[in-house]
Amino acid sequence: MDYSGLLDIEVEFISELGRTELSIEEILKLTKGSIIDLKKPVGEDVESYINGHLLGKGEIIVCDKNLAVRINEISDSNAALDHIAKEKP
């Protein structure tokens, strides 16, 4: 498939550090300095998504004093691009 018509389209990139579930009671008890356990071991890869579709996995790094993601594995970039092509107005 020719993706040249998609090259200037902006997409949503999300990299997920972790998830957890909290009760309303637990949320109401949160204060400045509270710690929320994301149930993910230190050093484990984070998942990265483009428009809600898995792009790949990577690791959190510090780049110019900012957090960043170094992509270590691409799952299926063609499938993600095909989905974006179908979403294009």
Protein backbone atom coordinates (compact mmCIF):
# COMPACT_ATOMS: atom_id res chain seq x y z
CA MET A 1 0.00 0.00 0.00
CA ASP A 2 1.22 3.54 -0.78
CA TYR A 3 1.42 5.54 2.47
CA SER A 4 2.69 8.79 0.90
CA GLY A 5 -0.69 10.49 1.44
CA LEU A 6 -0.48 9.77 5.17
CA LEU A 7 2.95 11.21 5.92
CA ASP A 8 1.70 14.60 7.17
CA ILE A 9 -1.21 13.28 9.28
CA GLU A 10 -0.82 13.76 13.02
CA VAL A 11 -1.55 10.71 15.16
CA GLU A 12 -1.94 10.13 18.88
CA PHE A 13 1.12 8.42 20.40
CA ILE A 14 0.65 6.91 23.86
CA SER A 15 3.24 5.03 25.84
CA GLU A 16 1.76 3.23 28.81
CA LEU A 17 3.88 2.97 31.91
CA GLY A 18 1.36 0.85 33.82
CA ARG A 19 -2.20 0.48 35.06
CA THR A 20 -3.93 -0.22 38.31
CA GLU A 21 -7.44 -0.13 39.72
CA LEU A 22 -8.43 2.07 42.64
CA SER A 23 -11.66 2.30 44.57
CA ILE A 24 -13.35 5.65 45.02
CA GLU A 25 -12.37 5.44 48.69
CA GLU A 26 -8.69 5.04 47.74
CA ILE A 27 -8.91 7.96 45.30
CA LEU A 28 -10.45 10.21 47.94
CA LYS A 29 -7.56 9.39 50.31
CA LEU A 30 -4.90 10.53 47.80
CA THR A 31 -2.84 13.51 48.89
CA LYS A 32 0.23 15.28 47.61
CA GLY A 33 3.06 12.77 47.78
CA SER A 34 0.80 9.70 47.61
CA ILE A 35 2.27 6.75 45.76
CA ILE A 36 0.19 4.65 43.36
CA ASP A 37 1.62 1.22 42.63
CA LEU A 38 1.34 0.55 38.88
CA LYS A 39 1.94 -3.19 39.36
CA LYS A 40 4.76 -3.25 36.83
CA PRO A 41 8.28 -4.44 37.67
CA VAL A 42 11.14 -1.97 37.34
CA GLY A 43 12.91 -2.36 34.01
CA GLU A 44 9.98 -4.00 32.23
CA ASP A 45 9.15 -2.65 28.77
CA VAL A 46 6.37 -0.09 28.28
CA GLU A 47 3.85 -0.52 25.49
CA SER A 48 3.49 2.20 22.85
CA TYR A 49 0.31 2.81 20.87
CA ILE A 50 -0.58 4.83 17.78
CA ASN A 51 -4.27 5.81 17.66
CA GLY A 52 -5.02 3.03 20.12
CA HIS A 53 -3.21 0.28 18.20
CA LEU A 54 -0.10 -1.38 19.59
CA LEU A 55 3.01 -0.13 17.79
CA GLY A 56 5.65 -1.81 19.92
CA LYS A 57 7.53 -1.88 23.19
CA GLY A 58 10.31 0.20 24.60
CA GLU A 59 12.06 1.44 27.69
CA ILE A 60 11.77 4.68 29.63
CA ILE A 61 14.92 6.82 29.40
CA VAL A 62 15.93 10.37 30.30
CA CYS A 63 16.66 12.56 27.26
CA ASP A 64 17.64 16.22 27.77
CA LYS A 65 16.12 16.17 31.30
CA ASN A 66 12.80 14.82 29.96
CA LEU A 67 11.35 11.33 30.09
CA ALA A 68 11.35 9.60 26.72
CA VAL A 69 10.72 6.15 25.25
CA ARG A 70 13.38 4.22 23.38
CA ILE A 71 11.55 1.85 21.02
CA ASN A 72 13.06 -1.64 21.28
CA GLU A 73 10.46 -3.67 19.40
CA ILE A 74 8.01 -2.83 16.62
CA SER A 75 4.97 -5.11 16.66
CA ASP A 76 3.39 -4.44 13.28
CA SER A 77 3.80 -0.93 11.93
CA ASN A 78 2.08 -1.86 8.66
CA ALA A 79 -1.08 -2.90 10.51
CA ALA A 80 -1.04 0.40 12.43
CA LEU A 81 -0.60 2.37 9.19
CA ASP A 82 -3.38 0.42 7.50
CA HIS A 83 -5.71 1.33 10.38
CA ILE A 84 -4.70 5.02 10.16
CA ALA A 85 -5.31 4.96 6.40
CA LYS A 86 -8.85 3.65 7.02
CA GLU A 87 -9.48 6.41 9.62
CA LYS A 88 -8.32 9.19 7.24
CA PRO A 89 -11.25 11.52 6.45
